[in-house]
């Protein structure tokens, strides 16, 4: 199958999958041997304004990169270049926690397991709140939890409990 035949078969397939999953828009890039061999954009970046997805559309990928980052860290550990038990300040000397003791104690592993004791970032908290306020699954269970879950400051001492932070 040549490139044009593949493209004519692939694009309707991708469009149908997006419609089935109710995805308003997306972009797909395929590389072979380090070269971009295909780029396609589908749907809308703003459905209300009928603004199409383009090569310049910015997508919020949230935490998707965390799994890749953790995999790379584990590969570096296997190669003997670092340990997940190393303090973060060994690699990021500017990293600081409110208490100096915790600055020295926070390890790479703590970030990989969401236990460095850092609260969520405020600008992401606002974004999560709007999303949670519109989510029927959240509102049907505990509507008052929406405000509490996104406005509570970190009450756990660092390194003692799981608390999601997008860092």
Foldseek 3Di string as FASTA:
>chain_A
DDPVVCCVVPPVVVQVVCVVVVPQWDKDWDDDPRHTPDIDIDHAPDVVVRHGDDPPDDDDPQQPCLVVVVVVVVVCVVVVNDDQQAQPCVVVVVDDDPDNVLNRRHGNVCVSQQQQQAAADLVVLVVVLVVLCPDPVNCVPDVVVSCVVSPDGRPDDGRPDHHDYSD
